[in-house]
Amino acid sequence: MNRKNVWTTYSAAQLKKVDQFAEDYKKFLDESKTEREAIDTIVNEIEAAGYRELNTLIGSKTKLKKGDKVYSVWMNKSIAIFQMGSEPMENGLNILGAHIDSPRLDVKQNPLYEDGGFAYLDTHYYGGIKKYHYVAMPLAIHGVLVKKDGTTVQLNVGEDEDDPVFFVSDLLIHLAQDQLSKKASNVIEGEALDLIIGHRPFVIESKEKEKAEKKDAKLTAGQQYAIAAEKAEKAESGKVSGAVRRGILAILNDLYGIEEEDFISAELEIVPAGKSRDAGFDRSMIMGYGHDDRVCAFPSMRAIMEAKNLKRTACCILVDKEEIGSVGATGMRSRFFENAVAELMALTKEGFNDLALRRCLANSCMLSSDVSAGFDPSYASCFEKKNASFLGEGLVFNKFTGARGKSGSNDANAEFIAEIRRALDKEGIVYQTAELGKVDVGGGGTIAYILALYGMNVIDAGVAVLNMHAPWEVIDKADLYEALRGYVAFLQNIDFRNE
């Protein structure tokens, strides 16, 4: 089958829209390096567009009608966004679903230690990464610490030009003979991915310590906290060590009012420091952290905002935990989405009952908006070229994912795919089909199979990515814009139910 390069199809006016949408996306990407940050950014944008929070509507017993815009956030990490259509919800929804978590390093709950004159944070990697990617590069800390009194402290350090950055050290090439003989998966062990966060010892003169005990010294709260920690350590073990560690504790206490024990109730994520950037002399691509899967989440969110005059109620669901199996209360396996749909139905004139909810979900159609592995000529042997996705060739459909014999896959029905072809061709959307690499070479999964458990029609549809799961991934701007167009066409034109 013939392939079409999207760039050759655009008018001058469309090219301006491509560039503007890319700039909007880069801003979103830079502001949304964690799930919580993504949710905050999304809520700010959709509320400005007139979306109202579901719980508020439930409290006021507001009845919903066509065109009403509603959203529901779950635990600050997942969100379901709805635009009401003219048909009863029992007839089904048109759903765009993506995930907003990305591979990274997570800080452990008892992380702070000192060794060899350096202060470290102990980490555990999250999702599928090549561990050697994370050494010898600038890293930032994003996340929250929640104190026992319920106060939440937000951290975002390493992104501004004046911020310090952090790093995981690597072995110098001169001493790396044994290291370089290891398999790539073992070059850097998981327990070696500890973040260096300081090197300067905490020093307070004896006279100042004496004054501090008499509460007569002009010391910061952090310095007093570090002195107390030193005193407690000496009383417990009879000796004092970890001056660099105490220096970090003093800084954290002064800047954020936190104590070491607050790490127990913290969610801190280590991500590449720096902003997304245009790539290539022609600025046709974007290099940034978190394309998987925010490059699908952003156009999904924008698509439901742009869609108009809907027959079927539209939904955009953006979830957490896909990179580790969609587990947990904020992953797609959770029932929060189903509960949100039930609450929404209860606010319509038809009302809620369990059978109507089941029919709604079974009659729904979904694009599981997730990225695809873009063909890379440098590693061509891993792809089957006829069935690979190419950057610049539009929205990518994966009929199935999984591994080996399609294990763990949702496999979309031919009838549903034909309906999608009709809807996209009607709007002149450029799209392609692909698999995730050669048969038996690898594989992967998305949230598609989880929604398919309701009996609804689901297919994966997203954007081709180079360097997938690396700290800096690459996408094509035209594919990003075509995803937006394709998602809008799906929401506005699909009216398909199983017989």
Protein backbone atom coordinates (compact mmCIF):
# COMPACT_ATOMS: atom_id res chain seq x y z
CA MET A 1 0.00 0.00 0.00
CA ASN A 2 1.14 3.52 -0.77
CA ARG A 3 2.35 5.72 2.06
CA LYS A 4 1.81 9.47 2.28
CA ASN A 5 4.06 12.03 3.97
CA VAL A 6 1.85 14.41 5.93
CA TRP A 7 4.06 17.44 5.33
CA THR A 8 3.33 17.30 1.57
CA THR A 9 -0.42 17.55 2.17
CA TYR A 10 -0.56 20.79 4.18
CA SER A 11 -1.42 24.25 2.94
CA ALA A 12 0.46 27.32 4.19
CA ALA A 13 -2.39 27.98 6.65
CA GLN A 14 -2.22 24.43 7.98
CA LEU A 15 1.55 24.65 8.40
CA LYS A 16 1.03 27.64 10.70
CA LYS A 17 -1.42 25.57 12.74
CA VAL A 18 1.13 22.75 12.93
CA ASP A 19 3.73 25.11 14.36
CA GLN A 20 1.33 26.73 16.82
CA PHE A 21 0.05 23.39 18.10
CA ALA A 22 3.64 22.20 18.51
CA GLU A 23 4.44 25.26 20.63
CA ASP A 24 1.37 24.63 22.80
CA TYR A 25 2.42 21.00 23.20
CA LYS A 26 6.01 21.85 24.17
CA LYS A 27 4.70 24.17 26.88
CA PHE A 28 2.44 21.40 28.17
CA LEU A 29 5.30 18.89 28.09
CA ASP A 30 7.60 21.20 30.08
CA GLU A 31 4.92 21.89 32.70
CA SER A 32 3.83 18.25 33.05
CA LYS A 33 6.81 16.08 33.89
CA THR A 34 4.83 14.15 36.51
CA GLU A 35 1.25 12.89 36.63
CA ARG A 36 0.28 15.45 39.26
CA GLU A 37 1.75 18.30 37.23
CA ALA A 38 -0.06 17.06 34.12
CA ILE A 39 -3.38 16.97 35.96
CA ASP A 40 -2.88 20.50 37.32
CA THR A 41 -2.04 21.82 33.85
CA ILE A 42 -5.00 20.04 32.23
CA VAL A 43 -7.52 21.18 34.86
CA ASN A 44 -6.39 24.80 34.46
CA GLU A 45 -6.90 24.62 30.70
CA ILE A 46 -10.25 22.83 30.65
CA GLU A 47 -11.74 24.97 33.42
CA ALA A 48 -10.85 28.05 31.37
CA ALA A 49 -12.83 26.42 28.53
CA GLY A 50 -15.93 25.98 30.69
CA TYR A 51 -15.54 22.46 32.08
CA ARG A 52 -17.07 21.92 35.54
CA GLU A 53 -16.04 19.48 38.25
CA LEU A 54 -18.31 16.44 38.57
CA ASN A 55 -18.54 16.40 42.37
CA THR A 56 -19.73 20.03 42.34
CA LEU A 57 -22.52 19.10 39.92
CA ILE A 58 -23.46 16.09 42.03
CA GLY A 59 -23.69 18.31 45.10
CA SER A 60 -25.96 20.80 43.35
CA LYS A 61 -27.95 18.01 41.60
CA THR A 62 -27.38 19.74 38.25
CA LYS A 63 -29.08 18.02 35.32
CA LEU A 64 -26.86 17.63 32.28
CA LYS A 65 -27.80 18.40 28.68
CA LYS A 66 -26.16 18.35 25.27
CA GLY A 67 -22.99 20.42 25.15
CA ASP A 68 -22.35 20.40 28.90
CA LYS A 69 -18.69 19.96 29.82
CA VAL A 70 -17.67 17.95 32.89
CA TYR A 71 -14.50 16.52 34.41
CA SER A 72 -13.59 14.26 37.31
CA VAL A 73 -10.10 14.01 38.86
CA TRP A 74 -9.02 10.95 40.82
CA MET A 75 -6.27 11.25 43.46
CA ASN A 76 -4.61 14.08 41.49
CA LYS A 77 -3.17 11.54 39.03
CA SER A 78 -5.96 10.59 36.63
CA ILE A 79 -8.80 12.46 34.99
CA ALA A 80 -11.95 11.74 32.98
CA ILE A 81 -13.24 14.60 30.79
CA PHE A 82 -16.72 14.52 29.20
CA GLN A 83 -18.67 16.56 26.65
CA MET A 84 -22.33 15.59 26.60
CA GLY A 85 -23.89 14.54 23.29
CA SER A 86 -27.50 14.57 22.09
CA GLU A 87 -28.04 10.80 22.36
CA PRO A 88 -28.68 8.94 25.62
CA MET A 89 -25.46 7.72 27.20
CA GLU A 90 -26.80 4.17 27.03
CA ASN A 91 -26.08 4.31 23.28
CA GLY A 92 -22.37 4.46 24.08
CA LEU A 93 -19.51 6.93 24.36
CA ASN A 94 -16.71 7.87 21.98
CA ILE A 95 -13.61 7.61 24.16
CA LEU A 96 -10.03 8.82 23.79
CA GLY A 97 -7.77 7.20 26.37
CA ALA A 98 -4.09 7.87 27.05
CA HIS A 99 -1.68 7.71 29.97
CA ILE A 100 0.26 10.53 31.60
CA ASP A 101 2.93 8.56 33.47
CA SER A 102 6.38 8.08 31.93
CA PRO A 103 9.49 6.02 32.77
CA ARG A 104 11.75 7.67 35.37
CA LEU A 105 13.48 7.16 38.73
CA ASP A 106 11.41 7.25 41.94
CA VAL A 107 12.86 8.21 45.32
CA LYS A 108 12.54 5.48 47.95
CA GLN A 109 10.79 6.05 51.30
CA ASN A 110 14.01 5.94 53.38
CA PRO A 111 16.30 7.49 50.79
CA LEU A 112 18.80 9.89 52.32
CA TYR A 113 22.29 8.63 53.10
CA GLU A 114 25.93 9.65 52.92
CA ASP A 115 28.85 7.73 51.47
CA GLY A 116 32.37 8.85 50.53
CA GLY A 117 31.59 12.48 51.24
CA PHE A 118 28.49 12.62 49.03
CA ALA A 119 24.85 12.85 50.06
CA TYR A 120 22.55 10.57 48.06
CA LEU A 121 18.89 9.85 47.49
CA ASP A 122 18.25 6.14 47.02
CA THR A 123 15.99 5.44 44.02
CA HIS A 124 13.95 2.71 42.38
CA TYR A 125 13.42 2.96 38.62
CA TYR A 126 9.84 3.12 37.34
CA GLY A 127 8.78 1.50 34.09
CA GLY A 128 10.93 0.04 31.34
CA ILE A 129 14.21 1.90 31.02
CA LYS A 130 17.74 1.29 29.84
CA LYS A 131 19.40 2.01 33.17
CA TYR A 132 22.61 3.33 31.61
CA HIS A 133 20.61 6.20 30.07
CA TYR A 134 20.28 7.87 33.47
CA VAL A 135 23.95 8.29 34.40
CA ALA A 136 26.10 11.38 33.84
CA MET A 137 23.26 13.66 32.79
CA PRO A 138 21.48 16.56 34.55
CA LEU A 139 18.40 15.45 36.45
CA ALA A 140 15.60 17.30 38.23
CA ILE A 141 13.46 16.42 41.24
CA HIS A 142 9.68 16.83 40.95
CA GLY A 143 6.98 15.78 43.37
CA VAL A 144 5.33 16.21 46.73
CA LEU A 145 6.02 15.52 50.40
CA VAL A 146 2.99 15.33 52.67
CA LYS A 147 3.53 16.07 56.34
CA LYS A 148 1.69 14.36 59.18
CA ASP A 149 -0.55 17.41 59.60
CA GLY A 150 -1.70 17.02 55.98
CA THR A 151 0.33 19.92 54.62
CA THR A 152 1.61 19.24 51.11
CA VAL A 153 5.02 20.55 50.05
CA GLN A 154 5.67 20.69 46.31
CA LEU A 155 9.18 20.29 44.87
CA ASN A 156 10.33 21.23 41.41
CA VAL A 157 14.10 21.67 41.44
CA GLY A 158 16.41 21.55 38.43
CA GLU A 159 14.29 23.12 35.70
CA ASP A 160 15.03 26.85 36.06
CA GLU A 161 18.40 28.14 34.86
CA ASP A 162 19.30 29.23 38.39
CA ASP A 163 18.34 25.88 39.94
CA PRO A 164 20.92 23.28 40.89
CA VAL A 165 20.66 19.98 39.07
CA PHE A 166 21.37 16.47 40.32
CA PHE A 167 23.05 13.46 38.78
CA VAL A 168 23.88 9.77 38.93
CA SER A 169 27.62 9.25 38.55
CA ASP A 170 29.27 6.94 36.03
CA LEU A 171 32.64 5.19 36.03
CA LEU A 172 35.36 6.99 34.10
CA ILE A 173 36.39 5.32 30.84
CA HIS A 174 39.95 4.82 32.12
CA LEU A 175 38.76 2.35 34.78
CA ALA A 176 35.80 0.86 32.92
CA GLN A 177 37.33 -2.24 31.34
CA ASP A 178 35.26 -4.67 33.43
CA GLN A 179 32.15 -2.51 33.22
CA LEU A 180 32.26 -2.39 29.43
CA SER A 181 32.51 -6.17 29.20
CA LYS A 182 29.08 -6.56 30.85
CA LYS A 183 25.77 -6.96 29.06
CA ALA A 184 24.03 -3.64 28.49
CA SER A 185 21.31 -4.59 30.99
CA ASN A 186 23.96 -4.96 33.70
CA VAL A 187 26.34 -2.10 32.91
CA ILE A 188 24.50 -0.05 35.53
CA GLU A 189 22.72 -2.00 38.27
CA GLY A 190 19.37 -0.75 39.54
CA GLU A 191 20.72 -0.17 43.05
CA ALA A 192 23.49 2.00 41.57
CA LEU A 193 21.02 4.57 40.26
CA ASP A 194 21.32 6.74 43.36
CA LEU A 195 21.11 10.48 42.99
CA ILE A 196 23.97 12.70 44.19
CA ILE A 197 22.38 15.74 45.87
CA GLY A 198 25.24 17.34 47.82
CA HIS A 199 28.87 17.30 48.93
CA ARG A 200 29.40 20.11 51.45
CA PRO A 201 29.62 19.16 55.16
CA PHE A 202 27.40 20.82 57.72
CA VAL A 203 29.67 22.82 60.04
CA ILE A 204 28.62 24.92 63.04
CA GLU A 205 31.22 26.24 65.46
CA SER A 206 31.11 24.93 69.03
CA LYS A 207 30.27 28.38 70.41
CA GLU A 208 27.27 28.60 68.09
CA LYS A 209 26.12 25.16 69.21
CA GLU A 210 26.32 26.27 72.84
CA LYS A 211 24.33 29.40 72.07
CA ALA A 212 21.77 27.28 70.18
CA GLU A 213 21.20 25.14 73.27
CA LYS A 214 20.54 28.36 75.20
CA LYS A 215 18.29 29.55 72.36
CA ASP A 216 20.54 32.58 71.99
CA ALA A 217 22.07 31.88 68.57
CA LYS A 218 21.04 33.47 65.30
CA LEU A 219 20.71 30.16 63.52
CA THR A 220 18.20 29.20 60.85
CA ALA A 221 15.49 26.65 61.60
CA GLY A 222 17.34 24.21 59.36
CA GLN A 223 20.61 24.64 61.21
CA GLN A 224 18.85 24.08 64.53
CA TYR A 225 17.18 20.98 63.10
CA ALA A 226 20.55 19.63 61.89
CA ILE A 227 22.15 20.27 65.30
CA ALA A 228 19.29 18.41 66.99
CA ALA A 229 19.74 15.52 64.55
CA GLU A 230 23.46 15.40 65.33
CA LYS A 231 22.76 15.37 69.06
CA ALA A 232 20.20 12.59 68.68
CA GLU A 233 22.61 10.52 66.59
CA LYS A 234 25.34 10.86 69.19
CA ALA A 235 22.97 9.90 72.01
CA GLU A 236 21.79 6.82 70.09
CA SER A 237 25.07 5.44 68.74
CA GLY A 238 27.73 7.24 70.73
CA LYS A 239 29.29 8.71 67.61
CA VAL A 240 28.54 11.31 64.97
CA SER A 241 28.83 10.89 61.19
CA GLY A 242 27.12 12.14 58.06
CA ALA A 243 27.94 15.85 58.11
CA VAL A 244 27.04 16.20 54.41
CA ARG A 245 23.74 14.47 55.01
CA ARG A 246 22.95 16.84 57.88
CA GLY A 247 23.79 19.78 55.65
CA ILE A 248 21.18 18.59 53.16
CA LEU A 249 18.65 18.19 55.97
CA ALA A 250 19.33 21.77 57.09
CA ILE A 251 18.77 23.07 53.56
CA LEU A 252 15.55 21.10 53.08
CA ASN A 253 14.24 22.28 56.43
CA ASP A 254 15.06 25.91 55.68
CA LEU A 255 13.65 25.87 52.14
CA TYR A 256 10.61 23.67 52.58
CA GLY A 257 10.09 23.15 56.31
CA ILE A 258 10.41 19.39 55.94
CA GLU A 259 12.12 16.83 58.14
CA GLU A 260 13.75 13.54 57.19
CA GLU A 261 10.71 11.53 58.30
CA ASP A 262 8.60 13.36 55.71
CA PHE A 263 10.24 11.26 53.00
CA ILE A 264 8.05 8.39 54.24
CA SER A 265 4.95 10.13 52.85
CA ALA A 266 6.54 11.56 49.73
CA GLU A 267 6.23 10.98 46.00
CA LEU A 268 9.39 12.33 44.40
CA GLU A 269 10.24 11.62 40.77
CA ILE A 270 13.65 12.03 39.13
CA VAL A 271 13.35 13.18 35.53
CA PRO A 272 15.69 14.68 32.91
CA ALA A 273 16.31 18.36 33.60
CA GLY A 274 15.57 20.83 30.83
CA LYS A 275 12.92 21.89 28.36
CA SER A 276 11.72 20.18 25.21
CA ARG A 277 13.37 21.51 22.06
CA ASP A 278 12.82 21.66 18.33
CA ALA A 279 15.00 19.09 16.56
CA GLY A 280 16.55 19.29 13.11
CA PHE A 281 17.58 22.27 10.99
CA ASP A 282 14.05 22.24 9.58
CA ARG A 283 12.52 22.19 13.09
CA SER A 284 10.26 19.35 11.98
CA MET A 285 10.65 17.33 15.18
CA ILE A 286 10.45 17.79 18.94
CA MET A 287 12.88 16.23 21.38
CA GLY A 288 11.65 16.07 24.94
CA TYR A 289 10.99 13.98 28.01
CA GLY A 290 7.69 12.13 28.31
CA HIS A 291 6.38 11.91 24.73
CA ASP A 292 5.27 8.42 25.82
CA ASP A 293 2.45 9.08 26.33
CA ARG A 294 1.85 12.79 26.76
CA VAL A 295 2.16 13.23 23.00
CA CYS A 296 -1.17 11.39 22.83
CA ALA A 297 -2.63 12.80 26.05
CA PHE A 298 -2.33 16.42 24.92
CA PRO A 299 -4.08 16.13 21.53
CA SER A 300 -6.72 13.90 23.18
CA MET A 301 -7.46 16.64 25.70
CA ARG A 302 -7.48 19.33 23.01
CA ALA A 303 -9.67 17.17 20.74
CA ILE A 304 -12.52 16.93 23.23
CA MET A 305 -12.29 20.70 23.69
CA GLU A 306 -12.50 21.28 19.92
CA ALA A 307 -15.18 18.70 19.08
CA LYS A 308 -18.61 20.22 18.42
CA ASN A 309 -22.25 19.24 17.91
CA LEU A 310 -21.78 15.70 19.19
CA LYS A 311 -24.35 12.93 18.89
CA ARG A 312 -22.57 10.53 21.23
CA THR A 313 -21.14 11.80 24.49
CA ALA A 314 -17.37 12.22 24.16
CA CYS A 315 -14.88 11.21 26.81
CA CYS A 316 -11.15 11.76 27.25
CA ILE A 317 -9.60 9.64 29.97
CA LEU A 318 -5.98 10.23 31.01
CA VAL A 319 -4.59 7.75 33.51
CA ASP A 320 -1.61 6.86 35.67
CA LYS A 321 0.44 3.66 36.08
CA GLU A 322 0.34 2.37 32.48
CA GLU A 323 4.10 1.95 32.46
CA ILE A 324 3.88 -0.59 35.30
CA GLY A 325 0.79 -2.51 34.19
CA SER A 326 -2.07 -0.04 34.76
CA VAL A 327 -2.34 -1.20 38.37
CA GLY A 328 -3.33 0.67 41.53
CA ALA A 329 -6.16 3.04 42.34
CA THR A 330 -5.14 5.53 39.64
CA GLY A 331 -4.39 3.01 36.88
CA MET A 332 -6.83 1.92 34.18
CA ARG A 333 -7.59 -1.31 36.05
CA SER A 334 -9.20 0.81 38.78
CA ARG A 335 -12.99 1.29 38.70
CA PHE A 336 -12.80 5.08 39.00
CA PHE A 337 -13.67 5.55 35.30
CA GLU A 338 -16.68 3.27 35.54
CA ASN A 339 -17.80 5.10 38.70
CA ALA A 340 -17.45 8.49 37.00
CA VAL A 341 -19.61 7.33 34.07
CA ALA A 342 -22.24 6.04 36.52
CA GLU A 343 -22.31 9.39 38.34
CA LEU A 344 -22.59 11.21 35.04
CA MET A 345 -25.53 9.04 33.93
CA ALA A 346 -27.28 9.79 37.22
CA LEU A 347 -27.27 13.49 36.28
CA THR A 348 -28.95 12.94 32.89
CA LYS A 349 -32.71 12.88 32.31
CA GLU A 350 -32.53 9.13 31.62
CA GLY A 351 -30.92 8.55 35.02
CA PHE A 352 -28.75 5.67 36.18
CA ASN A 353 -29.27 1.96 36.51
CA ASP A 354 -26.76 -0.83 36.35
CA LEU A 355 -28.05 -2.30 33.10
CA ALA A 356 -27.92 1.10 31.38
CA LEU A 357 -24.31 1.52 32.56
CA ARG A 358 -23.35 -1.87 31.16
CA ARG A 359 -24.98 -1.05 27.85
CA CYS A 360 -23.24 2.33 27.77
CA LEU A 361 -19.81 0.78 28.20
CA ALA A 362 -20.44 -2.13 25.83
CA ASN A 363 -21.74 0.21 23.12
CA SER A 364 -18.78 2.59 23.46
CA CYS A 365 -15.94 2.98 20.97
CA MET A 366 -12.43 3.86 22.02
CA LEU A 367 -9.11 4.95 20.60
CA SER A 368 -6.46 3.81 23.04
CA SER A 369 -4.19 6.74 22.31
CA ASP A 370 -0.69 5.39 22.81
CA VAL A 371 2.59 5.82 21.00
CA SER A 372 4.10 3.48 18.44
CA ALA A 373 7.72 2.59 17.72
CA GLY A 374 8.84 4.78 14.83
CA PHE A 375 10.99 3.12 12.17
CA ASP A 376 14.65 3.89 12.82
CA PRO A 377 17.00 3.22 9.85
CA SER A 378 19.90 2.80 12.28
CA TYR A 379 18.16 -0.26 13.75
CA ALA A 380 16.23 -1.43 10.70
CA SER A 381 16.75 -5.11 11.52
CA CYS A 382 14.30 -4.82 14.44
CA PHE A 383 11.42 -3.68 12.18
CA GLU A 384 9.34 -5.28 9.46
CA LYS A 385 9.28 -2.32 7.13
CA LYS A 386 5.89 -2.89 5.48
CA ASN A 387 4.22 -2.91 8.89
CA ALA A 388 6.25 -0.28 10.76
CA SER A 389 5.22 3.25 11.64
CA PHE A 390 7.19 6.12 10.11
CA LEU A 391 7.65 9.62 11.46
CA GLY A 392 5.85 12.12 9.26
CA GLU A 393 3.28 9.67 7.92
CA GLY A 394 0.40 10.50 10.20
CA LEU A 395 -1.67 8.96 12.97
CA VAL A 396 -0.63 5.36 13.69
CA PHE A 397 -3.12 2.52 14.22
CA ASN A 398 -2.01 -0.70 15.87
CA LYS A 399 -4.66 -3.37 15.33
CA PHE A 400 -2.91 -5.41 18.02
CA THR A 401 0.05 -5.08 20.35
CA GLY A 402 1.23 -7.78 22.76
CA ALA A 403 4.26 -10.02 22.34
CA ARG A 404 5.14 -13.12 20.36
CA GLY A 405 1.76 -14.69 19.46
CA LYS A 406 -0.13 -11.44 20.27
CA SER A 407 0.06 -12.39 23.95
CA GLY A 408 -1.64 -9.82 26.19
CA SER A 409 -3.14 -7.96 23.24
CA ASN A 410 -6.42 -6.35 22.37
CA ASP A 411 -7.04 -7.27 18.73
CA ALA A 412 -9.48 -4.85 17.12
CA ASN A 413 -12.41 -6.07 15.01
CA ALA A 414 -12.30 -5.54 11.25
CA GLU A 415 -15.78 -3.95 11.27
CA PHE A 416 -14.66 -1.30 13.75
CA ILE A 417 -11.52 -0.55 11.76
CA ALA A 418 -13.61 -0.10 8.62
CA GLU A 419 -15.82 2.43 10.46
CA ILE A 420 -12.72 4.36 11.54
CA ARG A 421 -11.37 4.36 7.98
CA ARG A 422 -14.67 5.84 6.79
CA ALA A 423 -14.63 8.59 9.44
CA LEU A 424 -10.99 9.57 8.88
CA ASP A 425 -11.16 9.50 5.10
CA LYS A 426 -14.22 11.76 5.28
CA GLU A 427 -12.08 14.40 7.04
CA GLY A 428 -8.93 13.83 4.96
CA ILE A 429 -6.87 12.54 7.89
CA VAL A 430 -3.52 10.97 7.02
CA TYR A 431 -2.97 7.73 8.91
CA GLN A 432 -0.91 4.55 8.80
CA THR A 433 -0.98 1.08 10.35
CA ALA A 434 1.86 -0.62 12.19
CA GLU A 435 3.08 -3.33 14.54
CA LEU A 436 5.53 -2.86 17.41
CA GLY A 437 8.61 -4.31 15.71
CA LYS A 438 9.23 -7.67 14.07
CA VAL A 439 7.40 -10.79 15.20
CA ASP A 440 9.27 -12.40 18.13
CA VAL A 441 11.63 -9.43 18.50
CA GLY A 442 9.78 -7.79 21.36
CA GLY A 443 6.39 -6.37 22.15
CA GLY A 444 4.45 -4.14 24.46
CA GLY A 445 1.02 -3.29 25.79
CA THR A 446 -1.35 -0.37 26.30
CA ILE A 447 -4.62 0.24 28.18
CA ALA A 448 -6.65 -1.04 25.20
CA TYR A 449 -7.29 -4.55 26.49
CA ILE A 450 -8.56 -3.23 29.84
CA LEU A 451 -11.36 -1.14 28.29
CA ALA A 452 -12.12 -4.01 25.91
CA LEU A 453 -13.14 -6.05 28.99
CA TYR A 454 -16.39 -4.05 28.94
CA GLY A 455 -17.11 -5.42 25.48
CA MET A 456 -16.48 -2.12 23.72
CA ASN A 457 -14.60 -1.74 20.46
CA VAL A 458 -11.04 -0.52 21.05
CA ILE A 459 -8.01 0.07 18.86
CA ASP A 460 -4.63 1.66 19.59
CA ALA A 461 -4.07 4.95 17.78
CA GLY A 462 -1.18 7.29 18.48
CA VAL A 463 2.03 8.95 17.37
CA ALA A 464 5.27 7.36 16.17
CA VAL A 465 8.23 7.95 18.50
CA LEU A 466 12.00 7.56 18.18
CA ASN A 467 14.10 6.79 21.30
CA MET A 468 10.99 5.50 23.08
CA HIS A 469 11.51 5.23 26.89
CA ALA A 470 14.81 7.08 26.67
CA PRO A 471 15.19 10.28 28.72
CA TRP A 472 14.85 12.30 25.51
CA GLU A 473 12.34 11.00 22.98
CA VAL A 474 11.58 12.38 19.50
CA ILE A 475 8.31 12.93 17.61
CA ASP A 476 7.32 14.63 14.36
CA LYS A 477 5.27 17.83 14.59
CA ALA A 478 3.05 16.87 11.66
CA ASP A 479 2.15 13.56 13.30
CA LEU A 480 1.23 15.43 16.47
CA TYR A 481 -1.12 17.73 14.57
CA GLU A 482 -2.59 14.86 12.55
CA ALA A 483 -3.32 13.07 15.83
CA LEU A 484 -5.35 16.08 16.95
CA ARG A 485 -7.28 16.12 13.68
CA GLY A 486 -7.83 12.38 13.79
CA TYR A 487 -9.08 12.42 17.36
CA VAL A 488 -11.55 15.22 16.62
CA ALA A 489 -12.81 13.30 13.58
CA PHE A 490 -13.28 10.20 15.73
CA LEU A 491 -15.31 12.03 18.38
CA GLN A 492 -17.53 13.77 15.84
CA ASN A 493 -18.10 11.00 13.28
CA ILE A 494 -18.10 7.56 14.93
CA ASP A 495 -21.51 6.05 15.62
CA PHE A 496 -20.82 2.34 15.71
CA ARG A 497 -22.28 -0.43 17.86
CA ASN A 498 -21.96 -4.19 17.85
CA GLU A 499 -25.02 -6.03 16.57
